[in-house]
């Protein structure tokens, strides 16, 4: 690890759906590994509480075309730390570079005794589906995060990279990414995909689509269902045949400022500075 390098047709959401209470962490919640089993339900026998599902219905679907582009470029992350294993999501941005959320790599939850801590190792699994790893798994111990994330936990810079020795991107490809005009993005529909806890398992690639609500202070806010484990996943726009990643998912609705309004999740919006940083990481 290296801190100095810190350097599908999902159902449309109805605006009339009532919203449900939400819970989550504030730094960027990582999901600990769970033993597979049925989804938990409250003692009252009511519906399962799925953190940042934004209405009474979970609009995500399991993507079974995991060996096809672009889904195979989305990676399940198994994150080993001093405080145990966690889960996250990443996406290939080059032959040896997986982009994820900074809090998937450097997080206070990773260190014993408080303070920030780096992950010990990350296992990257492109295109995982159920218990199948069609492109294998790559283990890395070399990571980078944006300096503002390491220094001040700035959510607008909650971005990091996993550096791979194996050029897995040459086999599965990598995603196009860009820094687009935020005012144009607020009129777009976006897609978020990743590996959250679902029915007691992190083996499913889940996908959902929804409208972008706002862009504010370097973050993109969208009406798309997510849950823990999807941190680091790509937020992309455009047709599935030619997607463009515009943000890195990282936060659930409790991290949304009041001025944006309730019922949205968010991620770090890619900026020209981030593009240059990713290019630096790719050359490192």
C-alpha atoms as a PDB file:
ATOM      1  CA  UNK A   1       0.000   0.000   0.000  1.00  0.00           C
ATOM      2  CA  UNK A   2       1.252   3.474  -0.674  1.00  0.00           C
ATOM      3  CA  UNK A   3      -0.322   6.607   0.724  1.00  0.00           C
ATOM      4  CA  UNK A   4       2.268   8.855  -0.910  1.00  0.00           C
ATOM      5  CA  UNK A   5       0.927   7.885  -4.326  1.00  0.00           C
ATOM      6  CA  UNK A   6      -2.437   9.297  -3.322  1.00  0.00           C
ATOM      7  CA  UNK A   7      -1.781   9.956  -5.826  1.00  0.00           C
ATOM      8  CA  UNK A   8     -30.902  -4.285 -18.479  1.00  0.00           C
ATOM      9  CA  UNK A   9     -34.014  -2.667 -18.165  1.00  0.00           C
ATOM     10  CA  UNK A  10     -34.513  -1.816 -14.549  1.00  0.00           C
ATOM     11  CA  UNK A  11     -37.945  -0.592 -13.577  1.00  0.00           C
ATOM     12  CA  UNK A  12     -38.356   3.173 -13.541  1.00  0.00           C
ATOM     13  CA  UNK A  13     -38.977   4.683 -10.119  1.00  0.00           C
ATOM     14  CA  UNK A  14     -42.322   6.304  -9.547  1.00  0.00           C
ATOM     15  CA  UNK A  15     -42.029   9.762  -8.028  1.00  0.00           C
ATOM     16  CA  UNK A  16     -45.196   9.052  -6.047  1.00  0.00           C
ATOM     17  CA  UNK A  17     -43.664   6.173  -4.060  1.00  0.00           C
ATOM     18  CA  UNK A  18     -43.496   6.843  -0.328  1.00  0.00           C
ATOM     19  CA  UNK A  19     -40.050   6.872   1.234  1.00  0.00           C
ATOM     20  CA  UNK A  20     -38.910   4.723   4.136  1.00  0.00           C
ATOM     21  CA  UNK A  21     -36.537   5.530   7.012  1.00  0.00           C
ATOM     22  CA  UNK A  22     -32.864   5.062   6.140  1.00  0.00           C
ATOM     23  CA  UNK A  23     -29.772   4.221   8.167  1.00  0.00           C
ATOM     24  CA  UNK A  24     -26.084   4.185   7.281  1.00  0.00           C
ATOM     25  CA  UNK A  25     -22.632   5.281   8.351  1.00  0.00           C
ATOM     26  CA  UNK A  26     -21.233   8.742   7.830  1.00  0.00           C
ATOM     27  CA  UNK A  27     -17.695   8.066   6.596  1.00  0.00           C
ATOM     28  CA  UNK A  28     -18.856   5.620   3.997  1.00  0.00           C
ATOM     29  CA  UNK A  29     -20.173   2.376   5.371  1.00  0.00           C
ATOM     30  CA  UNK A  30     -18.391  -0.825   4.429  1.00  0.00           C
ATOM     31  CA  UNK A  31     -20.215  -4.077   4.771  1.00  0.00           C
ATOM     32  CA  UNK A  32     -18.559  -6.823   6.844  1.00  0.00           C
ATOM     33  CA  UNK A  33     -18.583 -10.336   5.444  1.00  0.00           C
ATOM     34  CA  UNK A  34     -21.729 -12.262   6.301  1.00  0.00           C
ATOM     35  CA  UNK A  35     -22.543 -15.947   6.369  1.00  0.00           C
ATOM     36  CA  UNK A  36     -25.032 -16.587   3.523  1.00  0.00           C
ATOM     37  CA  UNK A  37     -28.604 -16.775   4.766  1.00  0.00           C
ATOM     38  CA  UNK A  38     -32.012 -15.164   4.350  1.00  0.00           C
ATOM     39  CA  UNK A  39     -32.319 -11.369   4.519  1.00  0.00           C
ATOM     40  CA  UNK A  40     -32.892 -10.076   8.036  1.00  0.00           C
ATOM     41  CA  UNK A  41     -36.333  -8.809   8.990  1.00  0.00           C
ATOM     42  CA  UNK A  42     -37.472  -6.861  12.017  1.00  0.00           C
ATOM     43  CA  UNK A  43     -39.087  -8.715  14.916  1.00  0.00           C
ATOM     44  CA  UNK A  44     -42.477  -7.293  13.989  1.00  0.00           C
ATOM     45  CA  UNK A  45     -42.441  -9.338  10.776  1.00  0.00           C
ATOM     46  CA  UNK A  46     -42.531  -6.215   8.619  1.00  0.00           C
ATOM     47  CA  UNK A  47     -40.541  -5.712   5.409  1.00  0.00           C
ATOM     48  CA  UNK A  48     -36.760  -6.015   5.448  1.00  0.00           C
ATOM     49  CA  UNK A  49     -34.926  -2.741   6.049  1.00  0.00           C
ATOM     50  CA  UNK A  50     -32.343  -2.431   3.277  1.00  0.00           C
ATOM     51  CA  UNK A  51     -30.468   0.741   4.285  1.00  0.00           C
ATOM     52  CA  UNK A  52     -30.721   3.013   1.231  1.00  0.00           C
ATOM     53  CA  UNK A  53     -33.527   1.495  -0.740  1.00  0.00           C
ATOM     54  CA  UNK A  54     -35.343   4.718  -1.530  1.00  0.00           C
ATOM     55  CA  UNK A  55     -38.911   3.490  -1.544  1.00  0.00           C
ATOM     56  CA  UNK A  56     -41.009   0.468  -0.626  1.00  0.00           C
ATOM     57  CA  UNK A  57     -39.601  -1.541  -3.572  1.00  0.00           C
ATOM     58  CA  UNK A  58     -35.977  -2.475  -4.288  1.00  0.00           C
ATOM     59  CA  UNK A  59     -35.565  -1.602  -7.967  1.00  0.00           C
ATOM     60  CA  UNK A  60     -32.220  -3.354  -8.391  1.00  0.00           C
ATOM     61  CA  UNK A  61     -31.963  -6.566 -10.395  1.00  0.00           C
ATOM     62  CA  UNK A  62     -29.358  -9.294 -10.461  1.00  0.00           C
ATOM     63  CA  UNK A  63     -27.302  -9.033 -13.659  1.00  0.00           C
ATOM     64  CA  UNK A  64     -26.653 -12.507 -15.074  1.00  0.00           C
ATOM     65  CA  UNK A  65     -24.755 -11.338 -18.174  1.00  0.00           C
ATOM     66  CA  UNK A  66     -21.676 -10.980 -15.990  1.00  0.00           C
ATOM     67  CA  UNK A  67     -19.246 -12.222 -18.648  1.00  0.00           C
ATOM     68  CA  UNK A  68     -20.394  -9.586 -21.171  1.00  0.00           C
ATOM     69  CA  UNK A  69     -19.244  -5.972 -21.373  1.00  0.00           C
ATOM     70  CA  UNK A  70     -19.581  -3.738 -19.454  1.00  0.00           C
ATOM     71  CA  UNK A  71     -20.642  -5.948 -16.532  1.00  0.00           C
ATOM     72  CA  UNK A  72     -17.432  -7.986 -16.499  1.00  0.00           C
ATOM     73  CA  UNK A  73     -15.495  -4.748 -15.908  1.00  0.00           C
ATOM     74  CA  UNK A  74     -17.228  -4.262 -12.545  1.00  0.00           C
ATOM     75  CA  UNK A  75     -15.318  -6.021  -9.769  1.00  0.00           C
ATOM     76  CA  UNK A  76     -16.250  -7.451  -6.404  1.00  0.00           C
ATOM     77  CA  UNK A  77     -13.678  -6.408  -3.786  1.00  0.00           C
ATOM     78  CA  UNK A  78     -12.842  -8.541  -0.750  1.00  0.00           C
ATOM     79  CA  UNK A  79     -10.995  -6.214   1.604  1.00  0.00           C
ATOM     80  CA  UNK A  80      -8.777  -7.665   4.349  1.00  0.00           C
ATOM     81  CA  UNK A  81      -7.960  -5.317   7.227  1.00  0.00           C
ATOM     82  CA  UNK A  82      -6.589  -5.355  10.763  1.00  0.00           C
ATOM     83  CA  UNK A  83     -10.213  -5.339  11.950  1.00  0.00           C
ATOM     84  CA  UNK A  84     -11.427  -8.168   9.758  1.00  0.00           C
ATOM     85  CA  UNK A  85     -12.822  -8.554   6.225  1.00  0.00           C
ATOM     86  CA  UNK A  86     -15.068  -6.077   4.419  1.00  0.00           C
ATOM     87  CA  UNK A  87     -16.677  -5.869   0.989  1.00  0.00           C
ATOM     88  CA  UNK A  88     -16.709  -3.214  -1.682  1.00  0.00           C
ATOM     89  CA  UNK A  89     -16.964  -2.673  -5.432  1.00  0.00           C
ATOM     90  CA  UNK A  90     -14.552  -1.365  -8.047  1.00  0.00           C
ATOM     91  CA  UNK A  91     -14.308  -0.971 -11.807  1.00  0.00           C
ATOM     92  CA  UNK A  92     -11.491  -1.391 -14.259  1.00  0.00           C
ATOM     93  CA  UNK A  93     -10.164   1.893 -15.649  1.00  0.00           C
ATOM     94  CA  UNK A  94      -7.140   0.356 -17.368  1.00  0.00           C
ATOM     95  CA  UNK A  95      -5.239  -2.916 -17.748  1.00  0.00           C
ATOM     96  CA  UNK A  96      -3.897  -2.860 -14.171  1.00  0.00           C
ATOM     97  CA  UNK A  97      -6.003  -0.177 -12.452  1.00  0.00           C
ATOM     98  CA  UNK A  98      -9.235  -0.682 -10.512  1.00  0.00           C
ATOM     99  CA  UNK A  99     -10.959   2.493  -9.325  1.00  0.00           C
ATOM    100  CA  UNK A 100     -12.996   2.371  -6.131  1.00  0.00           C
ATOM    101  CA  UNK A 101     -14.014   4.614  -3.248  1.00  0.00           C
ATOM    102  CA  UNK A 102     -11.180   5.893  -1.079  1.00  0.00           C
ATOM    103  CA  UNK A 103     -12.947   4.576   2.009  1.00  0.00           C
ATOM    104  CA  UNK A 104     -12.664   1.051   0.582  1.00  0.00           C
ATOM    105  CA  UNK A 105      -8.884   1.375   0.900  1.00  0.00           C
ATOM    106  CA  UNK A 106      -8.232   3.783   3.777  1.00  0.00           C
ATOM    107  CA  UNK A 107     -10.830   3.885   6.536  1.00  0.00           C
ATOM    108  CA  UNK A 108     -10.996   4.361  10.299  1.00  0.00           C
ATOM    109  CA  UNK A 109     -12.774   0.991  10.505  1.00  0.00           C
ATOM    110  CA  UNK A 110      -9.609  -0.732   9.249  1.00  0.00           C
ATOM    111  CA  UNK A 111      -7.294   0.273  12.085  1.00  0.00           C
ATOM    112  CA  UNK A 112      -7.258  -1.081  15.602  1.00  0.00           C
ATOM    113  CA  UNK A 113      -7.112   1.609  18.233  1.00  0.00           C
ATOM    114  CA  UNK A 114      -8.745   4.366  16.148  1.00  0.00           C
ATOM    115  CA  UNK A 115      -7.331   6.638  13.458  1.00  0.00           C
ATOM    116  CA  UNK A 116      -7.154   5.915   9.779  1.00  0.00           C
ATOM    117  CA  UNK A 117      -5.829   2.667   8.426  1.00  0.00           C
ATOM    118  CA  UNK A 118      -5.002   1.114   5.086  1.00  0.00           C
ATOM    119  CA  UNK A 119      -6.420  -2.180   3.936  1.00  0.00           C
ATOM    120  CA  UNK A 120      -3.919  -5.031   4.205  1.00  0.00           C
ATOM    121  CA  UNK A 121      -4.883  -6.646   0.912  1.00  0.00           C
ATOM    122  CA  UNK A 122      -7.703  -6.504  -1.616  1.00  0.00           C
ATOM    123  CA  UNK A 123      -8.905  -9.398  -3.751  1.00  0.00           C
ATOM    124  CA  UNK A 124     -10.339  -8.159  -7.057  1.00  0.00           C
ATOM    125  CA  UNK A 125     -12.893 -10.408  -8.797  1.00  0.00           C
ATOM    126  CA  UNK A 126     -14.086  -9.095 -12.192  1.00  0.00           C
ATOM    127  CA  UNK A 127     -17.556 -10.178 -13.272  1.00  0.00           C
ATOM    128  CA  UNK A 128     -18.297 -12.405 -10.297  1.00  0.00           C
ATOM    129  CA  UNK A 129     -21.707 -14.066 -10.349  1.00  0.00           C
ATOM    130  CA  UNK A 130     -23.007 -16.349  -7.646  1.00  0.00           C
ATOM    131  CA  UNK A 131     -19.966 -18.409  -6.650  1.00  0.00           C
ATOM    132  CA  UNK A 132     -18.350 -18.241 -10.101  1.00  0.00           C
ATOM    133  CA  UNK A 133     -15.246 -16.211 -10.904  1.00  0.00           C
ATOM    134  CA  UNK A 134     -15.108 -16.395 -14.707  1.00  0.00           C
ATOM    135  CA  UNK A 135     -11.979 -14.241 -14.977  1.00  0.00           C
ATOM    136  CA  UNK A 136     -10.285 -15.393 -11.818  1.00  0.00           C
ATOM    137  CA  UNK A 137      -9.265 -13.291  -8.830  1.00  0.00           C
ATOM    138  CA  UNK A 138      -6.274 -10.983  -8.388  1.00  0.00           C
ATOM    139  CA  UNK A 139      -4.819 -10.084  -4.987  1.00  0.00           C
ATOM    140  CA  UNK A 140      -3.176  -6.686  -4.471  1.00  0.00           C
ATOM    141  CA  UNK A 141      -1.391  -5.000  -1.564  1.00  0.00           C
ATOM    142  CA  UNK A 142      -0.682  -1.739  -3.415  1.00  0.00           C
ATOM    143  CA  UNK A 143      -3.229   1.066  -3.228  1.00  0.00           C
ATOM    144  CA  UNK A 144      -3.569   4.817  -3.709  1.00  0.00           C
ATOM    145  CA  UNK A 145      -6.096   7.434  -2.567  1.00  0.00           C
ATOM    146  CA  UNK A 146      -6.712  11.054  -3.439  1.00  0.00           C
ATOM    147  CA  UNK A 147      -4.856  13.316  -1.004  1.00  0.00           C
ATOM    148  CA  UNK A 148      -7.980  15.235   0.126  1.00  0.00           C
ATOM    149  CA  UNK A 149      -9.548  11.938   1.202  1.00  0.00           C
ATOM    150  CA  UNK A 150      -6.485  10.952   3.226  1.00  0.00           C
ATOM    151  CA  UNK A 151      -6.060  14.391   4.780  1.00  0.00           C
ATOM    152  CA  UNK A 152      -9.587  15.628   5.491  1.00  0.00           C
ATOM    153  CA  UNK A 153     -12.025  12.837   4.491  1.00  0.00           C
ATOM    154  CA  UNK A 154     -13.387  15.132   1.761  1.00  0.00           C
ATOM    155  CA  UNK A 155     -16.293  13.175   0.239  1.00  0.00           C
ATOM    156  CA  UNK A 156     -15.868  14.955  -3.077  1.00  0.00           C
ATOM    157  CA  UNK A 157     -12.492  13.187  -3.342  1.00  0.00           C
ATOM    158  CA  UNK A 158     -13.476   9.789  -1.945  1.00  0.00           C
ATOM    159  CA  UNK A 159     -11.633   8.017  -4.743  1.00  0.00           C
ATOM    160  CA  UNK A 160      -8.845   5.452  -4.762  1.00  0.00           C
ATOM    161  CA  UNK A 161      -7.122   2.867  -6.906  1.00  0.00           C
ATOM    162  CA  UNK A 162      -6.093  -0.758  -6.521  1.00  0.00           C
ATOM    163  CA  UNK A 163      -2.911  -1.459  -8.497  1.00  0.00           C
ATOM    164  CA  UNK A 164      -2.722  -4.919 -10.070  1.00  0.00           C
ATOM    165  CA  UNK A 165       0.333  -6.940 -11.092  1.00  0.00           C
ATOM    166  CA  UNK A 166      -1.862  -8.971 -13.443  1.00  0.00           C
ATOM    167  CA  UNK A 167      -3.151  -6.939 -16.443  1.00  0.00           C
ATOM    168  CA  UNK A 168      -6.652  -8.400 -16.122  1.00  0.00           C
ATOM    169  CA  UNK A 169      -8.043  -5.431 -18.066  1.00  0.00           C
ATOM    170  CA  UNK A 170      -6.358  -6.782 -21.185  1.00  0.00           C
ATOM    171  CA  UNK A 171      -8.655  -9.806 -20.938  1.00  0.00           C
ATOM    172  CA  UNK A 172     -11.936  -8.179 -19.916  1.00  0.00           C
ATOM    173  CA  UNK A 173     -11.515  -4.559 -21.026  1.00  0.00           C
ATOM    174  CA  UNK A 174     -12.028  -1.393 -19.012  1.00  0.00           C
ATOM    175  CA  UNK A 175     -14.646   1.307 -18.714  1.00  0.00           C
ATOM    176  CA  UNK A 176     -14.610   4.699 -20.348  1.00  0.00           C
ATOM    177  CA  UNK A 177     -14.717   7.555 -17.825  1.00  0.00           C
ATOM    178  CA  UNK A 178     -14.954  11.322 -18.187  1.00  0.00           C
ATOM    179  CA  UNK A 179     -15.498  14.605 -16.358  1.00  0.00           C
ATOM    180  CA  UNK A 180     -18.719  15.997 -17.796  1.00  0.00           C
ATOM    181  CA  UNK A 181     -20.540  19.275 -17.251  1.00  0.00           C
ATOM    182  CA  UNK A 182     -22.475  18.860 -13.970  1.00  0.00           C
ATOM    183  CA  UNK A 183     -25.378  20.948 -15.291  1.00  0.00           C
ATOM    184  CA  UNK A 184     -25.864  18.454 -18.115  1.00  0.00           C
ATOM    185  CA  UNK A 185     -25.693  15.491 -15.745  1.00  0.00           C
ATOM    186  CA  UNK A 186     -28.617  16.762 -13.701  1.00  0.00           C
ATOM    187  CA  UNK A 187     -30.840  16.051 -16.708  1.00  0.00           C
ATOM    188  CA  UNK A 188     -29.489  12.536 -17.229  1.00  0.00           C
ATOM    189  CA  UNK A 189     -30.436   9.031 -16.175  1.00  0.00           C
ATOM    190  CA  UNK A 190     -27.654   7.098 -14.480  1.00  0.00           C
ATOM    191  CA  UNK A 191     -26.877   3.467 -13.711  1.00  0.00           C
ATOM    192  CA  UNK A 192     -25.184   2.150 -10.565  1.00  0.00           C
ATOM    193  CA  UNK A 193     -23.916  -1.429 -10.382  1.00  0.00           C
ATOM    194  CA  UNK A 194     -22.041  -3.264  -7.681  1.00  0.00           C
ATOM    195  CA  UNK A 195     -21.775  -6.081  -5.174  1.00  0.00           C
ATOM    196  CA  UNK A 196     -23.928  -5.297  -2.133  1.00  0.00           C
ATOM    197  CA  UNK A 197     -25.211  -7.601   0.573  1.00  0.00           C
ATOM    198  CA  UNK A 198     -28.261  -9.261  -0.963  1.00  0.00           C
ATOM    199  CA  UNK A 199     -30.107 -12.162   0.625  1.00  0.00           C
ATOM    200  CA  UNK A 200     -27.121 -12.793   2.854  1.00  0.00           C
ATOM    201  CA  UNK A 201     -24.607 -12.972   0.000  1.00  0.00           C
ATOM    202  CA  UNK A 202     -22.144 -10.628  -1.744  1.00  0.00           C
ATOM    203  CA  UNK A 203     -21.878 -12.791  -4.855  1.00  0.00           C
ATOM    204  CA  UNK A 204     -24.497 -11.057  -6.992  1.00  0.00           C
ATOM    205  CA  UNK A 205     -23.901  -8.114  -9.326  1.00  0.00           C
ATOM    206  CA  UNK A 206     -26.890  -5.823  -8.780  1.00  0.00           C
ATOM    207  CA  UNK A 207     -27.893  -3.050 -11.193  1.00  0.00           C
ATOM    208  CA  UNK A 208     -30.383  -0.181 -11.001  1.00  0.00           C
ATOM    209  CA  UNK A 209     -31.162   2.891 -13.069  1.00  0.00           C
ATOM    210  CA  UNK A 210     -32.638   6.227 -12.033  1.00  0.00           C
ATOM    211  CA  UNK A 211     -32.548   9.998 -12.488  1.00  0.00           C
ATOM    212  CA  UNK A 212     -29.755  12.282 -11.346  1.00  0.00           C
ATOM    213  CA  UNK A 213     -31.224  14.836  -8.977  1.00  0.00           C
ATOM    214  CA  UNK A 214     -28.361  17.265  -8.355  1.00  0.00           C
ATOM    215  CA  UNK A 215     -24.661  17.986  -8.464  1.00  0.00           C
ATOM    216  CA  UNK A 216     -23.310  19.919  -5.485  1.00  0.00           C
ATOM    217  CA  UNK A 217     -19.855  20.511  -4.007  1.00  0.00           C
ATOM    218  CA  UNK A 218     -18.193  17.841  -6.092  1.00  0.00           C
ATOM    219  CA  UNK A 219     -20.755  15.122  -5.491  1.00  0.00           C
ATOM    220  CA  UNK A 220     -23.460  13.652  -7.705  1.00  0.00           C
ATOM    221  CA  UNK A 221     -26.861  12.793  -6.180  1.00  0.00           C
ATOM    222  CA  UNK A 222     -29.174  10.246  -7.771  1.00  0.00           C
ATOM    223  CA  UNK A 223     -32.433   8.391  -7.144  1.00  0.00           C
ATOM    224  CA  UNK A 224     -30.983   4.912  -7.421  1.00  0.00           C
ATOM    225  CA  UNK A 225     -31.271   2.122  -4.865  1.00  0.00           C
ATOM    226  CA  UNK A 226     -28.008   0.978  -3.261  1.00  0.00           C
ATOM    227  CA  UNK A 227     -26.909  -0.874  -0.132  1.00  0.00           C
ATOM    228  CA  UNK A 228     -23.674  -1.537   1.734  1.00  0.00           C
ATOM    229  CA  UNK A 229     -20.966  -3.133  -0.368  1.00  0.00           C
ATOM    230  CA  UNK A 230     -21.684  -1.030  -3.470  1.00  0.00           C
ATOM    231  CA  UNK A 231     -19.207   1.655  -2.419  1.00  0.00           C
ATOM    232  CA  UNK A 232     -16.706   2.221  -5.209  1.00  0.00           C
ATOM    233  CA  UNK A 233     -19.041   1.058  -7.950  1.00  0.00           C
ATOM    234  CA  UNK A 234     -19.287   2.968 -11.237  1.00  0.00           C
ATOM    235  CA  UNK A 235     -21.997   5.555 -11.734  1.00  0.00           C
ATOM    236  CA  UNK A 236     -22.424   5.760 -15.468  1.00  0.00           C
ATOM    237  CA  UNK A 237     -24.582   7.355 -18.141  1.00  0.00           C
ATOM    238  CA  UNK A 238     -25.288   6.423 -21.739  1.00  0.00           C
ATOM    239  CA  UNK A 239     -26.288   3.258 -23.502  1.00  0.00           C
ATOM    240  CA  UNK A 240     -25.167  -0.086 -22.101  1.00  0.00           C
ATOM    241  CA  UNK A 241     -23.132  -0.585 -25.278  1.00  0.00           C
ATOM    242  CA  UNK A 242     -21.095   2.570 -24.632  1.00  0.00           C
ATOM    243  CA  UNK A 243     -21.293   3.632 -20.969  1.00  0.00           C
ATOM    244  CA  UNK A 244     -19.306   6.535 -19.548  1.00  0.00           C
ATOM    245  CA  UNK A 245     -18.465   6.546 -15.840  1.00  0.00           C
ATOM    246  CA  UNK A 246     -19.040  10.004 -14.342  1.00  0.00           C
ATOM    247  CA  UNK A 247     -18.873   9.330 -10.584  1.00  0.00           C
ATOM    248  CA  UNK A 248     -17.762   6.792  -7.984  1.00  0.00           C
ATOM    249  CA  UNK A 249     -20.568   5.623  -5.718  1.00  0.00           C
ATOM    250  CA  UNK A 250     -19.929   6.061  -2.027  1.00  0.00           C
ATOM    251  CA  UNK A 251     -22.788   7.280   0.176  1.00  0.00           C
ATOM    252  CA  UNK A 252     -26.301   6.485   1.179  1.00  0.00           C
ATOM    253  CA  UNK A 253     -29.129   8.904   1.810  1.00  0.00           C
ATOM    254  CA  UNK A 254     -28.202   9.880   5.375  1.00  0.00           C
ATOM    255  CA  UNK A 255     -25.112  11.621   3.934  1.00  0.00           C
ATOM    256  CA  UNK A 256     -27.222  13.864   1.671  1.00  0.00           C
ATOM    257  CA  UNK A 257     -27.338  17.593   2.549  1.00  0.00           C
ATOM    258  CA  UNK A 258     -30.746  18.988   3.416  1.00  0.00           C
ATOM    259  CA  UNK A 259     -30.546  21.379   0.474  1.00  0.00           C
ATOM    260  CA  UNK A 260     -30.557  18.481  -1.983  1.00  0.00           C
ATOM    261  CA  UNK A 261     -33.590  16.867  -0.397  1.00  0.00           C
ATOM    262  CA  UNK A 262     -34.357  13.395   0.913  1.00  0.00           C
ATOM    263  CA  UNK A 263     -34.329  10.092  -0.894  1.00  0.00           C
ATOM    264  CA  UNK A 264     -31.088  10.177  -2.877  1.00  0.00           C
ATOM    265  CA  UNK A 265     -27.727   8.423  -2.735  1.00  0.00           C
ATOM    266  CA  UNK A 266     -24.455   9.947  -3.912  1.00  0.00           C
ATOM    267  CA  UNK A 267     -20.919   9.537  -5.162  1.00  0.00           C
ATOM    268  CA  UNK A 268     -17.790  11.541  -5.887  1.00  0.00           C
ATOM    269  CA  UNK A 269     -18.192  13.351  -9.200  1.00  0.00           C
ATOM    270  CA  UNK A 270     -15.253  12.839 -11.540  1.00  0.00           C
ATOM    271  CA  UNK A 271     -13.452  16.106 -12.297  1.00  0.00           C
ATOM    272  CA  UNK A 272     -10.568  16.983 -14.625  1.00  0.00           C
ATOM    273  CA  UNK A 273      -8.258  16.745 -11.594  1.00  0.00           C
ATOM    274  CA  UNK A 274      -9.534  13.233 -10.928  1.00  0.00           C
ATOM    275  CA  UNK A 275      -8.920  12.245 -14.554  1.00  0.00           C
ATOM    276  CA  UNK A 276      -5.318  13.409 -14.275  1.00  0.00           C
ATOM    277  CA  UNK A 277      -4.965  11.536 -10.984  1.00  0.00           C
ATOM    278  CA  UNK A 278      -6.295   8.311 -12.509  1.00  0.00           C
ATOM    279  CA  UNK A 279      -3.875   8.701 -15.406  1.00  0.00           C
ATOM    280  CA  UNK A 280      -1.046   9.116 -12.869  1.00  0.00           C
ATOM    281  CA  UNK A 281      -2.170   5.979 -11.061  1.00  0.00           C
ATOM    282  CA  UNK A 282      -2.230   4.060 -14.312  1.00  0.00           C
ATOM    283  CA  UNK A 283       1.363   5.027 -15.027  1.00  0.00           C
ATOM    284  CA  UNK A 284       2.536   4.232 -11.472  1.00  0.00           C
END
